[in-house]
Amino acid sequence: MHSFPSDQDMNHIKIGSRVALKEGGSLLHYLAFPFVWLVWLGNKLRIIWFDAIWAVMLVSIGGGFNAITKDITSTSSSRQNILSAQIDICKTTVATLEDQANNDQTTLNTMDAQMTKYDTDGDNTNYNSLVDPYNTLLEKVKAELSNYDTQLAECNKMIDQYNSNR
């Protein structure tokens, strides 16, 4: 806030520019006069805290802006890394659920083939002994496939979110 140039500072710039112009200096010294006028106006606006606004502008445009950008970038990068790790875990879970459902489906198919054979042979005792385990396994496979579909949808959402944040 106190870094805003004073009227005395601007007076020195104005005098220096006049002297430089009289001694054949660059025409760029003419640019000092509007600058001096703007600073003089800014000093008069201190009654409405213009110097505080100046300080906020310096921080946001200067080092503060870089720090803010770095924080946003590192936070975004950190979120992406976390999301990437969650996607990896999700993919592993989905693969495990798929393997489990496939193994149980294979067992179910084997039981179905045995039950068909027992039914064809008229072996009601062995057939009836497989009905309850078959139905239990069938319900388990249905639940596994439902869980698989749910987990796969969650993984796809995370992947879409990851890709949209890139």
Protein backbone atom coordinates (compact mmCIF):
# COMPACT_ATOMS: atom_id res chain seq x y z
CA MET A 1 0.00 0.00 0.00
CA HIS A 2 2.83 2.36 0.84
CA SER A 3 4.67 1.55 -2.39
CA PHE A 4 2.49 3.95 -4.36
CA PRO A 5 4.75 6.77 -5.66
CA SER A 6 4.46 10.11 -3.92
CA ASP A 7 3.94 13.51 -5.50
CA GLN A 8 7.59 14.31 -4.72
CA ASP A 9 8.71 11.24 -6.66
CA MET A 10 6.64 12.36 -9.62
CA ASN A 11 8.03 15.90 -9.36
CA HIS A 12 11.57 14.47 -9.71
CA ILE A 13 10.52 12.43 -12.77
CA LYS A 14 8.87 15.49 -14.33
CA ILE A 15 11.97 17.68 -13.75
CA GLY A 16 14.28 14.91 -15.01
CA SER A 17 12.22 14.47 -18.17
CA ARG A 18 12.18 18.23 -18.88
CA VAL A 19 15.94 18.44 -18.47
CA ALA A 20 16.47 15.39 -20.70
CA LEU A 21 14.23 16.85 -23.41
CA LYS A 22 16.08 20.23 -23.30
CA GLU A 23 19.41 18.44 -23.64
CA GLY A 24 18.26 16.51 -26.72
CA GLY A 25 17.09 13.31 -24.98
CA SER A 26 14.74 10.78 -26.43
CA LEU A 27 11.17 11.71 -27.29
CA LEU A 28 10.10 8.86 -25.00
CA HIS A 29 10.51 11.30 -22.11
CA TYR A 30 7.18 12.80 -23.20
CA LEU A 31 5.56 9.59 -21.91
CA ALA A 32 6.60 10.57 -18.39
CA PHE A 33 4.14 13.49 -18.28
CA PRO A 34 0.91 11.41 -18.55
CA PHE A 35 2.40 8.98 -16.04
CA VAL A 36 3.12 11.84 -13.63
CA TRP A 37 -0.44 13.11 -14.07
CA LEU A 38 -1.91 9.62 -13.37
CA VAL A 39 0.15 9.21 -10.20
CA TRP A 40 -0.83 12.71 -9.04
CA LEU A 41 -4.49 11.72 -9.57
CA GLY A 42 -3.91 8.43 -7.70
CA ASN A 43 -2.45 10.35 -4.75
CA LYS A 44 -5.54 12.53 -4.64
CA LEU A 45 -7.72 9.39 -4.66
CA ARG A 46 -6.10 8.07 -1.46
CA ILE A 47 -9.14 9.33 0.38
CA ILE A 48 -11.07 6.43 -1.19
CA TRP A 49 -8.26 3.93 -0.45
CA PHE A 50 -6.83 3.95 -3.96
CA ASP A 51 -3.42 3.06 -2.50
CA ALA A 52 -4.94 -0.13 -1.06
CA ILE A 53 -6.42 -0.97 -4.46
CA TRP A 54 -2.96 -0.33 -5.93
CA ALA A 55 -1.40 -2.79 -3.45
CA VAL A 56 -3.95 -5.48 -4.28
CA MET A 57 -3.28 -4.98 -7.99
CA LEU A 58 0.47 -5.30 -7.46
CA VAL A 59 0.10 -8.50 -5.49
CA SER A 60 -2.37 -10.07 -7.89
CA ILE A 61 -0.48 -9.08 -11.03
CA GLY A 62 2.98 -9.73 -9.60
CA GLY A 63 4.10 -12.50 -7.30
CA GLY A 64 0.67 -13.14 -5.86
CA PHE A 65 -0.69 -14.06 -9.26
CA ASN A 66 2.06 -16.61 -9.81
CA ALA A 67 1.49 -18.10 -6.36
CA ILE A 68 -2.25 -18.32 -6.94
CA THR A 69 -1.74 -19.92 -10.35
CA LYS A 70 0.76 -22.39 -8.91
CA ASP A 71 -1.70 -23.34 -6.13
CA ILE A 72 -4.52 -23.85 -8.60
CA THR A 73 -2.29 -25.88 -10.92
CA SER A 74 -0.89 -28.05 -8.13
CA THR A 75 -4.37 -28.56 -6.64
CA SER A 76 -5.74 -29.53 -10.04
CA SER A 77 -2.77 -31.83 -10.65
CA SER A 78 -3.21 -33.36 -7.22
CA ARG A 79 -6.90 -33.99 -7.90
CA GLN A 80 -6.02 -35.61 -11.22
CA ASN A 81 -3.46 -37.87 -9.51
CA ILE A 82 -5.99 -38.91 -6.87
CA LEU A 83 -8.61 -39.53 -9.54
CA SER A 84 -6.12 -41.56 -11.57
CA ALA A 85 -5.36 -43.73 -8.53
CA GLN A 86 -9.09 -44.20 -7.89
CA ILE A 87 -9.58 -45.23 -11.52
CA ASP A 88 -6.82 -47.84 -11.18
CA ILE A 89 -8.46 -49.26 -8.05
CA CYS A 90 -11.83 -49.23 -9.77
CA LYS A 91 -10.46 -51.09 -12.80
CA THR A 92 -8.92 -53.72 -10.52
CA THR A 93 -12.22 -54.12 -8.67
CA VAL A 94 -14.15 -54.46 -11.93
CA ALA A 95 -11.69 -57.05 -13.25
CA THR A 96 -11.97 -59.05 -10.00
CA LEU A 97 -15.78 -58.92 -10.12
CA GLU A 98 -15.74 -60.01 -13.76
CA ASP A 99 -13.44 -62.96 -13.00
CA GLN A 100 -15.59 -64.01 -10.04
CA ALA A 101 -18.80 -63.81 -12.09
CA ASN A 102 -17.20 -65.75 -14.97
CA ASN A 103 -15.95 -68.50 -12.63
CA ASP A 104 -19.35 -68.81 -10.96
CA GLN A 105 -21.05 -68.82 -14.38
CA THR A 106 -18.78 -71.68 -15.45
CA THR A 107 -19.72 -73.60 -12.31
CA LEU A 108 -23.39 -72.80 -12.97
CA ASN A 109 -23.08 -74.12 -16.55
CA THR A 110 -21.48 -77.33 -15.26
CA MET A 111 -24.29 -77.78 -12.72
CA ASP A 112 -26.87 -77.11 -15.43
CA ALA A 113 -25.31 -79.79 -17.66
CA GLN A 114 -25.36 -82.28 -14.75
CA MET A 115 -28.98 -81.46 -13.93
CA THR A 116 -29.96 -81.94 -17.59
CA LYS A 117 -28.21 -85.31 -17.63
CA TYR A 118 -29.90 -86.39 -14.37
CA ASP A 119 -33.27 -85.24 -15.70
CA THR A 120 -32.77 -87.12 -18.98
CA ASP A 121 -31.68 -90.27 -17.11
CA GLY A 122 -34.66 -89.97 -14.74
CA ASP A 123 -32.34 -89.70 -11.70
CA ASN A 124 -34.62 -87.53 -9.56
CA THR A 125 -32.53 -87.95 -6.38
CA ASN A 126 -29.35 -86.42 -7.84
CA TYR A 127 -31.39 -83.89 -9.81
CA ASN A 128 -33.22 -82.70 -6.69
CA SER A 129 -29.96 -82.53 -4.72
CA LEU A 130 -28.62 -79.93 -7.21
CA VAL A 131 -31.74 -77.73 -7.47
CA ASP A 132 -31.16 -75.66 -4.30
CA PRO A 133 -27.38 -75.15 -4.82
CA TYR A 134 -28.06 -74.28 -8.47
CA ASN A 135 -30.69 -71.66 -7.54
CA THR A 136 -28.41 -70.21 -4.83
CA LEU A 137 -25.52 -69.96 -7.26
CA LEU A 138 -27.81 -68.46 -9.91
CA GLU A 139 -28.84 -65.67 -7.51
CA LYS A 140 -25.18 -65.11 -6.61
CA VAL A 141 -24.22 -64.75 -10.29
CA LYS A 142 -27.08 -62.29 -10.85
CA ALA A 143 -25.90 -60.20 -7.86
CA GLU A 144 -22.28 -60.35 -9.06
CA LEU A 145 -23.26 -59.20 -12.55
CA SER A 146 -25.35 -56.36 -11.11
CA ASN A 147 -22.44 -55.29 -8.89
CA TYR A 148 -20.11 -55.56 -11.88
CA ASP A 149 -22.38 -53.29 -13.97
CA THR A 150 -22.59 -50.74 -11.14
CA GLN A 151 -18.83 -50.69 -10.60
CA LEU A 152 -18.17 -50.46 -14.33
CA ALA A 153 -20.51 -47.45 -14.59
CA GLU A 154 -18.68 -45.77 -11.67
CA CYS A 155 -15.32 -46.39 -13.35
CA ASN A 156 -16.60 -44.90 -16.58
CA LYS A 157 -17.84 -41.81 -14.72
CA MET A 158 -14.42 -41.36 -13.13
CA ILE A 159 -12.69 -41.80 -16.47
CA ASP A 160 -15.01 -39.21 -18.06
CA GLN A 161 -14.32 -36.82 -15.17
CA TYR A 162 -10.57 -37.38 -15.49
CA ASN A 163 -10.68 -36.71 -19.24
CA SER A 164 -12.84 -33.59 -18.86
CA ASN A 165 -10.37 -32.13 -16.31
CA ARG A 166 -7.39 -32.48 -18.67
